[in-house]
Amino acid sequence: MEEKECAFCGEIIKAKAVVCRFCQIDLASGQSLAQAQPPQSPETVNARSGIEDGVNLGCGMFIVLPLLILGAVILLFWILAFFSAF
């Protein structure tokens, strides 16, 4: 691998490098990439719901959750009855 010294900061970089990875200067033009490109602001995303909105579970929670609990209780009694028979 061929290497060369950066003309601006003196660090060893690859010979095919276009920009110095240490000082971020374009080796052809001599301009700093930090000055050439202004920092981009992050995009804001408008979420449909959040903590301040609360959680919208709907009425399905009042149907499914009791059925799950009832199923677990029936399964528990069935297991207890099955093993107590032996």
PDB file of N, CA and C in Angstrom:
ATOM      1  N   MET A   1       0.849  -1.164   0.000  1.00  0.00           N
ATOM      2  CA  MET A   1       0.000   0.000   0.000  1.00  0.00           C
ATOM      3  C   MET A   1       0.904   1.239   0.000  1.00  0.00           C
ATOM      4  N   GLU A   2       0.654   2.099  -0.963  1.00  0.00           N
ATOM      5  CA  GLU A   2       1.462   3.307  -1.070  1.00  0.00           C
ATOM      6  C   GLU A   2       0.886   4.397  -0.172  1.00  0.00           C
ATOM      7  N   GLU A   3       1.776   5.124   0.460  1.00  0.00           N
ATOM      8  CA  GLU A   3       1.360   6.189   1.366  1.00  0.00           C
ATOM      9  C   GLU A   3       2.110   7.463   1.038  1.00  0.00           C
ATOM     10  N   LYS A   4       1.537   8.567   1.460  1.00  0.00           N
ATOM     11  CA  LYS A   4       2.199   9.865   1.300  1.00  0.00           C
ATOM     12  C   LYS A   4       1.888  10.714   2.515  1.00  0.00           C
ATOM     13  N   GLU A   5       2.557  11.830   2.608  1.00  0.00           N
ATOM     14  CA  GLU A   5       2.357  12.739   3.731  1.00  0.00           C
ATOM     15  C   GLU A   5       1.413  13.851   3.301  1.00  0.00           C
ATOM     16  N   CYS A   6       0.449  14.174   4.165  1.00  0.00           N
ATOM     17  CA  CYS A   6      -0.484  15.268   3.887  1.00  0.00           C
ATOM     18  C   CYS A   6       0.301  16.582   3.886  1.00  0.00           C
ATOM     19  N   ALA A   7       0.089  17.401   2.862  1.00  0.00           N
ATOM     20  CA  ALA A   7       0.805  18.674   2.734  1.00  0.00           C
ATOM     21  C   ALA A   7       0.332  19.704   3.752  1.00  0.00           C
ATOM     22  N   PHE A   8      -0.825  19.461   4.388  1.00  0.00           N
ATOM     23  CA  PHE A   8      -1.393  20.455   5.287  1.00  0.00           C
ATOM     24  C   PHE A   8      -1.164  20.138   6.767  1.00  0.00           C
ATOM     25  N   CYS A   9      -1.286  18.834   7.127  1.00  0.00           N
ATOM     26  CA  CYS A   9      -1.126  18.495   8.541  1.00  0.00           C
ATOM     27  C   CYS A   9       0.076  17.589   8.799  1.00  0.00           C
ATOM     28  N   GLY A  10       0.641  16.997   7.765  1.00  0.00           N
ATOM     29  CA  GLY A  10       1.839  16.184   7.920  1.00  0.00           C
ATOM     30  C   GLY A  10       1.585  14.740   8.303  1.00  0.00           C
ATOM     31  N   GLU A  11       0.336  14.316   8.415  1.00  0.00           N
ATOM     32  CA  GLU A  11       0.023  12.927   8.765  1.00  0.00           C
ATOM     33  C   GLU A  11       0.192  12.027   7.536  1.00  0.00           C
ATOM     34  N   ILE A  12       0.458  10.761   7.782  1.00  0.00           N
ATOM     35  CA  ILE A  12       0.619   9.792   6.707  1.00  0.00           C
ATOM     36  C   ILE A  12      -0.768   9.326   6.256  1.00  0.00           C
ATOM     37  N   ILE A  13      -1.040   9.469   4.947  1.00  0.00           N
ATOM     38  CA  ILE A  13      -2.322   9.061   4.374  1.00  0.00           C
ATOM     39  C   ILE A  13      -2.066   8.204   3.145  1.00  0.00           C
ATOM     40  N   LYS A  14      -3.096   7.576   2.612  1.00  0.00           N
ATOM     41  CA  LYS A  14      -2.951   6.754   1.409  1.00  0.00           C
ATOM     42  C   LYS A  14      -2.630   7.644   0.213  1.00  0.00           C
ATOM     43  N   ALA A  15      -1.874   7.087  -0.722  1.00  0.00           N
ATOM     44  CA  ALA A  15      -1.446   7.867  -1.882  1.00  0.00           C
ATOM     45  C   ALA A  15      -2.625   8.266  -2.761  1.00  0.00           C
ATOM     46  N   LYS A  16      -3.686   7.472  -2.791  1.00  0.00           N
ATOM     47  CA  LYS A  16      -4.855   7.771  -3.625  1.00  0.00           C
ATOM     48  C   LYS A  16      -5.877   8.649  -2.910  1.00  0.00           C
ATOM     49  N   ALA A  17      -5.573   9.109  -1.711  1.00  0.00           N
ATOM     50  CA  ALA A  17      -6.532   9.893  -0.933  1.00  0.00           C
ATOM     51  C   ALA A  17      -6.850  11.210  -1.628  1.00  0.00           C
ATOM     52  N   VAL A  18      -8.127  11.576  -1.600  1.00  0.00           N
ATOM     53  CA  VAL A  18      -8.579  12.845  -2.161  1.00  0.00           C
ATOM     54  C   VAL A  18      -8.728  13.873  -1.050  1.00  0.00           C
ATOM     55  N   VAL A  19      -9.121  13.376   0.159  1.00  0.00           N
ATOM     56  CA  VAL A  19      -9.304  14.222   1.333  1.00  0.00           C
ATOM     57  C   VAL A  19      -8.491  13.615   2.469  1.00  0.00           C
ATOM     58  N   CYS A  20      -7.797  14.445   3.216  1.00  0.00           N
ATOM     59  CA  CYS A  20      -7.040  13.961   4.373  1.00  0.00           C
ATOM     60  C   CYS A  20      -8.020  13.579   5.466  1.00  0.00           C
ATOM     61  N   ARG A  21      -7.899  12.365   6.000  1.00  0.00           N
ATOM     62  CA  ARG A  21      -8.832  11.911   7.032  1.00  0.00           C
ATOM     63  C   ARG A  21      -8.549  12.541   8.387  1.00  0.00           C
ATOM     64  N   PHE A  22      -7.417  13.181   8.532  1.00  0.00           N
ATOM     65  CA  PHE A  22      -7.062  13.799   9.804  1.00  0.00           C
ATOM     66  C   PHE A  22      -7.493  15.265   9.870  1.00  0.00           C
ATOM     67  N   CYS A  23      -7.165  16.040   8.852  1.00  0.00           N
ATOM     68  CA  CYS A  23      -7.487  17.469   8.882  1.00  0.00           C
ATOM     69  C   CYS A  23      -8.702  17.829   8.024  1.00  0.00           C
ATOM     70  N   GLN A  24      -9.269  16.870   7.301  1.00  0.00           N
ATOM     71  CA  GLN A  24     -10.471  17.061   6.480  1.00  0.00           C
ATOM     72  C   GLN A  24     -10.299  18.161   5.438  1.00  0.00           C
ATOM     73  N   ILE A  25      -9.121  18.212   4.811  1.00  0.00           N
ATOM     74  CA  ILE A  25      -8.869  19.199   3.769  1.00  0.00           C
ATOM     75  C   ILE A  25      -8.790  18.489   2.430  1.00  0.00           C
ATOM     76  N   ASP A  26      -9.479  19.060   1.428  1.00  0.00           N
ATOM     77  CA  ASP A  26      -9.425  18.527   0.066  1.00  0.00           C
ATOM     78  C   ASP A  26      -8.015  18.767  -0.461  1.00  0.00           C
ATOM     79  N   LEU A  27      -7.326  17.700  -0.824  1.00  0.00           N
ATOM     80  CA  LEU A  27      -5.928  17.816  -1.225  1.00  0.00           C
ATOM     81  C   LEU A  27      -5.766  18.516  -2.564  1.00  0.00           C
ATOM     82  N   ALA A  28      -6.780  18.481  -3.432  1.00  0.00           N
ATOM     83  CA  ALA A  28      -6.685  19.130  -4.730  1.00  0.00           C
ATOM     84  C   ALA A  28      -6.894  20.636  -4.629  1.00  0.00           C
ATOM     85  N   SER A  29      -7.897  21.064  -3.874  1.00  0.00           N
ATOM     86  CA  SER A  29      -8.210  22.488  -3.814  1.00  0.00           C
ATOM     87  C   SER A  29      -7.644  23.183  -2.577  1.00  0.00           C
ATOM     88  N   GLY A  30      -7.358  22.427  -1.521  1.00  0.00           N
ATOM     89  CA  GLY A  30      -6.826  23.014  -0.300  1.00  0.00           C
ATOM     90  C   GLY A  30      -7.900  23.585   0.613  1.00  0.00           C
ATOM     91  N   GLN A  31      -9.176  23.365   0.285  1.00  0.00           N
ATOM     92  CA  GLN A  31     -10.261  23.879   1.108  1.00  0.00           C
ATOM     93  C   GLN A  31     -10.677  22.830   2.137  1.00  0.00           C
ATOM     94  N   SER A  32     -11.035  23.318   3.288  1.00  0.00           N
ATOM     95  CA  SER A  32     -11.506  22.434   4.350  1.00  0.00           C
ATOM     96  C   SER A  32     -12.926  21.992   4.040  1.00  0.00           C
ATOM     97  N   LEU A  33     -13.208  20.720   4.228  1.00  0.00           N
ATOM     98  CA  LEU A  33     -14.562  20.221   3.996  1.00  0.00           C
ATOM     99  C   LEU A  33     -15.522  20.726   5.046  1.00  0.00           C
ATOM    100  N   ALA A  34     -15.046  21.021   6.236  1.00  0.00           N
ATOM    101  CA  ALA A  34     -15.908  21.539   7.292  1.00  0.00           C
ATOM    102  C   ALA A  34     -16.444  22.915   6.911  1.00  0.00           C
ATOM    103  N   GLN A  35     -15.666  23.721   6.192  1.00  0.00           N
ATOM    104  CA  GLN A  35     -16.111  25.043   5.766  1.00  0.00           C
ATOM    105  C   GLN A  35     -16.928  24.971   4.485  1.00  0.00           C
ATOM    106  N   ALA A  36     -16.641  23.997   3.634  1.00  0.00           N
ATOM    107  CA  ALA A  36     -17.325  23.900   2.353  1.00  0.00           C
ATOM    108  C   ALA A  36     -18.774  23.462   2.511  1.00  0.00           C
ATOM    109  N   GLN A  37     -19.066  22.580   3.456  1.00  0.00           N
ATOM    110  CA  GLN A  37     -20.412  22.082   3.643  1.00  0.00           C
ATOM    111  C   GLN A  37     -20.951  22.549   5.000  1.00  0.00           C
ATOM    112  N   PRO A  38     -22.007  23.354   4.988  1.00  0.00           N
ATOM    113  CA  PRO A  38     -22.581  23.781   6.277  1.00  0.00           C
ATOM    114  C   PRO A  38     -23.221  22.581   6.969  1.00  0.00           C
ATOM    115  N   PRO A  39     -23.204  22.576   8.275  1.00  0.00           N
ATOM    116  CA  PRO A  39     -23.813  21.452   8.989  1.00  0.00           C
ATOM    117  C   PRO A  39     -25.307  21.380   8.705  1.00  0.00           C
ATOM    118  N   GLN A  40     -25.785  20.169   8.488  1.00  0.00           N
ATOM    119  CA  GLN A  40     -27.193  19.978   8.184  1.00  0.00           C
ATOM    120  C   GLN A  40     -27.973  19.774   9.478  1.00  0.00           C
ATOM    121  N   SER A  41     -29.110  20.423   9.553  1.00  0.00           N
ATOM    122  CA  SER A  41     -29.943  20.241  10.734  1.00  0.00           C
ATOM    123  C   SER A  41     -30.739  18.949  10.577  1.00  0.00           C
ATOM    124  N   PRO A  42     -30.942  18.231  11.659  1.00  0.00           N
ATOM    125  CA  PRO A  42     -31.700  16.979  11.557  1.00  0.00           C
ATOM    126  C   PRO A  42     -33.153  17.264  11.204  1.00  0.00           C
ATOM    127  N   GLU A  43     -33.747  16.332  10.484  1.00  0.00           N
ATOM    128  CA  GLU A  43     -35.145  16.474  10.104  1.00  0.00           C
ATOM    129  C   GLU A  43     -36.037  16.263  11.326  1.00  0.00           C
ATOM    130  N   THR A  44     -37.079  17.053  11.402  1.00  0.00           N
ATOM    131  CA  THR A  44     -38.033  16.847  12.485  1.00  0.00           C
ATOM    132  C   THR A  44     -39.146  15.938  11.976  1.00  0.00           C
ATOM    133  N   VAL A  45     -39.549  15.035  12.813  1.00  0.00           N
ATOM    134  CA  VAL A  45     -40.598  14.090  12.455  1.00  0.00           C
ATOM    135  C   VAL A  45     -41.788  14.345  13.356  1.00  0.00           C
ATOM    136  N   ASN A  46     -42.940  14.509  12.761  1.00  0.00           N
ATOM    137  CA  ASN A  46     -44.162  14.712  13.526  1.00  0.00           C
ATOM    138  C   ASN A  46     -44.802  13.349  13.760  1.00  0.00           C
ATOM    139  N   ALA A  47     -44.695  12.863  14.982  1.00  0.00           N
ATOM    140  CA  ALA A  47     -45.250  11.554  15.322  1.00  0.00           C
ATOM    141  C   ALA A  47     -46.745  11.687  15.568  1.00  0.00           C
ATOM    142  N   ARG A  48     -47.471  10.598  15.294  1.00  0.00           N
ATOM    143  CA  ARG A  48     -48.920  10.612  15.492  1.00  0.00           C
ATOM    144  C   ARG A  48     -49.281  10.532  16.962  1.00  0.00           C
ATOM    145  N   SER A  49     -48.511   9.826  17.747  1.00  0.00           N
ATOM    146  CA  SER A  49     -48.809   9.739  19.170  1.00  0.00           C
ATOM    147  C   SER A  49     -47.501   9.791  19.949  1.00  0.00           C
ATOM    148  N   GLY A  50     -47.612  10.150  21.165  1.00  0.00           N
ATOM    149  CA  GLY A  50     -46.435  10.235  22.019  1.00  0.00           C
ATOM    150  C   GLY A  50     -46.850  10.119  23.461  1.00  0.00           C
ATOM    151  N   ILE A  51     -45.909  10.368  24.348  1.00  0.00           N
ATOM    152  CA  ILE A  51     -46.184  10.256  25.775  1.00  0.00           C
ATOM    153  C   ILE A  51     -47.258  11.264  26.187  1.00  0.00           C
ATOM    154  N   GLU A  52     -47.182  12.465  25.621  1.00  0.00           N
ATOM    155  CA  GLU A  52     -48.138  13.487  26.026  1.00  0.00           C
ATOM    156  C   GLU A  52     -49.554  13.174  25.537  1.00  0.00           C
ATOM    157  N   ASP A  53     -49.692  12.354  24.492  1.00  0.00           N
ATOM    158  CA  ASP A  53     -51.007  11.984  23.975  1.00  0.00           C
ATOM    159  C   ASP A  53     -51.657  10.872  24.789  1.00  0.00           C
ATOM    160  N   GLY A  54     -50.857  10.091  25.482  1.00  0.00           N
ATOM    161  CA  GLY A  54     -51.370   8.895  26.139  1.00  0.00           C
ATOM    162  C   GLY A  54     -51.361   7.748  25.137  1.00  0.00           C
ATOM    163  N   VAL A  55     -51.709   6.589  25.583  1.00  0.00           N
ATOM    164  CA  VAL A  55     -51.705   5.426  24.714  1.00  0.00           C
ATOM    165  C   VAL A  55     -53.146   5.085  24.366  1.00  0.00           C
ATOM    166  N   ASN A  56     -53.421   4.967  23.089  1.00  0.00           N
ATOM    167  CA  ASN A  56     -54.766   4.661  22.631  1.00  0.00           C
ATOM    168  C   ASN A  56     -54.844   3.172  22.336  1.00  0.00           C
ATOM    169  N   LEU A  57     -55.348   2.402  23.288  1.00  0.00           N
ATOM    170  CA  LEU A  57     -55.434   0.955  23.111  1.00  0.00           C
ATOM    171  C   LEU A  57     -56.768   0.526  22.538  1.00  0.00           C
ATOM    172  N   GLY A  58     -57.788   1.335  22.652  1.00  0.00           N
ATOM    173  CA  GLY A  58     -59.100   0.973  22.151  1.00  0.00           C
ATOM    174  C   GLY A  58     -59.798  -0.001  23.089  1.00  0.00           C
ATOM    175  N   CYS A  59     -60.994  -0.447  22.682  1.00  0.00           N
ATOM    176  CA  CYS A  59     -61.765  -1.338  23.540  1.00  0.00           C
ATOM    177  C   CYS A  59     -61.295  -2.786  23.415  1.00  0.00           C
ATOM    178  N   GLY A  60     -60.427  -3.090  22.471  1.00  0.00           N
ATOM    179  CA  GLY A  60     -59.927  -4.451  22.313  1.00  0.00           C
ATOM    180  C   GLY A  60     -59.183  -4.938  23.540  1.00  0.00           C
ATOM    181  N   MET A  61     -58.577  -4.003  24.267  1.00  0.00           N
ATOM    182  CA  MET A  61     -57.857  -4.361  25.479  1.00  0.00           C
ATOM    183  C   MET A  61     -58.807  -4.960  26.509  1.00  0.00           C
ATOM    184  N   PHE A  62     -60.052  -4.472  26.563  1.00  0.00           N
ATOM    185  CA  PHE A  62     -61.010  -4.940  27.556  1.00  0.00           C
ATOM    186  C   PHE A  62     -61.638  -6.269  27.173  1.00  0.00           C
ATOM    187  N   ILE A  63     -61.399  -6.721  25.952  1.00  0.00           N
ATOM    188  CA  ILE A  63     -61.896  -8.022  25.511  1.00  0.00           C
ATOM    189  C   ILE A  63     -60.787  -9.063  25.565  1.00  0.00           C
ATOM    190  N   VAL A  64     -59.639  -8.729  25.023  1.00  0.00           N
ATOM    191  CA  VAL A  64     -58.550  -9.695  24.892  1.00  0.00           C
ATOM    192  C   VAL A  64     -57.894 -10.001  26.228  1.00  0.00           C
ATOM    193  N   LEU A  65     -57.627  -8.988  27.022  1.00  0.00           N
ATOM    194  CA  LEU A  65     -56.919  -9.205  28.286  1.00  0.00           C
ATOM    195  C   LEU A  65     -57.694 -10.106  29.248  1.00  0.00           C
ATOM    196  N   PRO A  66     -58.992  -9.891  29.474  1.00  0.00           N
ATOM    197  CA  PRO A  66     -59.716 -10.829  30.348  1.00  0.00           C
ATOM    198  C   PRO A  66     -59.766 -12.249  29.792  1.00  0.00           C
ATOM    199  N   LEU A  67     -59.855 -12.377  28.473  1.00  0.00           N
ATOM    200  CA  LEU A  67     -59.860 -13.717  27.883  1.00  0.00           C
ATOM    201  C   LEU A  67     -58.527 -14.423  28.106  1.00  0.00           C
ATOM    202  N   LEU A  68     -57.443 -13.689  28.002  1.00  0.00           N
ATOM    203  CA  LEU A  68     -56.126 -14.277  28.270  1.00  0.00           C
ATOM    204  C   LEU A  68     -55.998 -14.704  29.727  1.00  0.00           C
ATOM    205  N   ILE A  69     -56.474 -13.882  30.632  1.00  0.00           N
ATOM    206  CA  ILE A  69     -56.406 -14.219  32.059  1.00  0.00           C
ATOM    207  C   ILE A  69     -57.298 -15.423  32.365  1.00  0.00           C
ATOM    208  N   LEU A  70     -58.496 -15.431  31.799  1.00  0.00           N
ATOM    209  CA  LEU A  70     -59.409 -16.560  31.994  1.00  0.00           C
ATOM    210  C   LEU A  70     -58.807 -17.849  31.433  1.00  0.00           C
ATOM    211  N   GLY A  71     -58.198 -17.770  30.275  1.00  0.00           N
ATOM    212  CA  GLY A  71     -57.546 -18.939  29.684  1.00  0.00           C
ATOM    213  C   GLY A  71     -56.413 -19.447  30.549  1.00  0.00           C
ATOM    214  N   ALA A  72     -55.631 -18.543  31.124  1.00  0.00           N
ATOM    215  CA  ALA A  72     -54.517 -18.949  31.984  1.00  0.00           C
ATOM    216  C   ALA A  72     -55.033 -19.627  33.249  1.00  0.00           C
ATOM    217  N   VAL A  73     -56.134 -19.119  33.818  1.00  0.00           N
ATOM    218  CA  VAL A  73     -56.698 -19.715  35.034  1.00  0.00           C
ATOM    219  C   VAL A  73     -57.262 -21.099  34.731  1.00  0.00           C
ATOM    220  N   ILE A  74     -57.970 -21.237  33.614  1.00  0.00           N
ATOM    221  CA  ILE A  74     -58.519 -22.551  33.229  1.00  0.00           C
ATOM    222  C   ILE A  74     -57.392 -23.543  32.985  1.00  0.00           C
ATOM    223  N   LEU A  75     -56.346 -23.119  32.316  1.00  0.00           N
ATOM    224  CA  LEU A  75     -55.198 -23.994  32.067  1.00  0.00           C
ATOM    225  C   LEU A  75     -54.536 -24.408  33.378  1.00  0.00           C
ATOM    226  N   LEU A  76     -54.427 -23.493  34.321  1.00  0.00           N
ATOM    227  CA  LEU A  76     -53.826 -23.805  35.615  1.00  0.00           C
ATOM    228  C   LEU A  76     -54.660 -24.851  36.355  1.00  0.00           C
ATOM    229  N   PHE A  77     -55.987 -24.663  36.388  1.00  0.00           N
ATOM    230  CA  PHE A  77     -56.846 -25.643  37.048  1.00  0.00           C
ATOM    231  C   PHE A  77     -56.814 -26.997  36.350  1.00  0.00           C
ATOM    232  N   TRP A  78     -56.745 -27.004  35.033  1.00  0.00           N
ATOM    233  CA  TRP A  78     -56.676 -28.263  34.284  1.00  0.00           C
ATOM    234  C   TRP A  78     -55.384 -29.014  34.607  1.00  0.00           C
ATOM    235  N   ILE A  79     -54.266 -28.287  34.659  1.00  0.00           N
ATOM    236  CA  ILE A  79     -52.975 -28.919  35.005  1.00  0.00           C
ATOM    237  C   ILE A  79     -53.012 -29.465  36.418  1.00  0.00           C
ATOM    238  N   LEU A  80     -53.554 -28.699  37.360  1.00  0.00           N
ATOM    239  CA  LEU A  80     -53.643 -29.162  38.750  1.00  0.00           C
ATOM    240  C   LEU A  80     -54.537 -30.395  38.848  1.00  0.00           C
ATOM    241  N   ALA A  81     -55.658 -30.414  38.140  1.00  0.00           N
ATOM    242  CA  ALA A  81     -56.564 -31.576  38.181  1.00  0.00           C
ATOM    243  C   ALA A  81     -55.913 -32.798  37.529  1.00  0.00           C
ATOM    244  N   PHE A  82     -55.169 -32.570  36.460  1.00  0.00           N
ATOM    245  CA  PHE A  82     -54.521 -33.688  35.758  1.00  0.00           C
ATOM    246  C   PHE A  82     -53.468 -34.344  36.626  1.00  0.00           C
ATOM    247  N   PHE A  83     -52.635 -33.536  37.284  1.00  0.00           N
ATOM    248  CA  PHE A  83     -51.554 -34.104  38.095  1.00  0.00           C
ATOM    249  C   PHE A  83     -52.030 -34.603  39.456  1.00  0.00           C
ATOM    250  N   SER A  84     -53.160 -34.112  39.936  1.00  0.00           N
ATOM    251  CA  SER A  84     -53.664 -34.612  41.213  1.00  0.00           C
ATOM    252  C   SER A  84     -54.359 -35.975  41.043  1.00  0.00           C
ATOM    253  N   ALA A  85     -54.682 -36.333  39.796  1.00  0.00           N
ATOM    254  CA  ALA A  85     -55.333 -37.636  39.544  1.00  0.00           C
ATOM    255  C   ALA A  85     -54.340 -38.779  39.705  1.00  0.00           C
ATOM    256  N   PHE A  86     -53.075 -38.501  39.628  1.00  0.00           N
ATOM    257  CA  PHE A  86     -52.067 -39.573  39.713  1.00  0.00           C
ATOM    258  C   PHE A  86     -51.632 -39.784  41.123  1.00  0.00           C
TER     259      PHE A  86
END
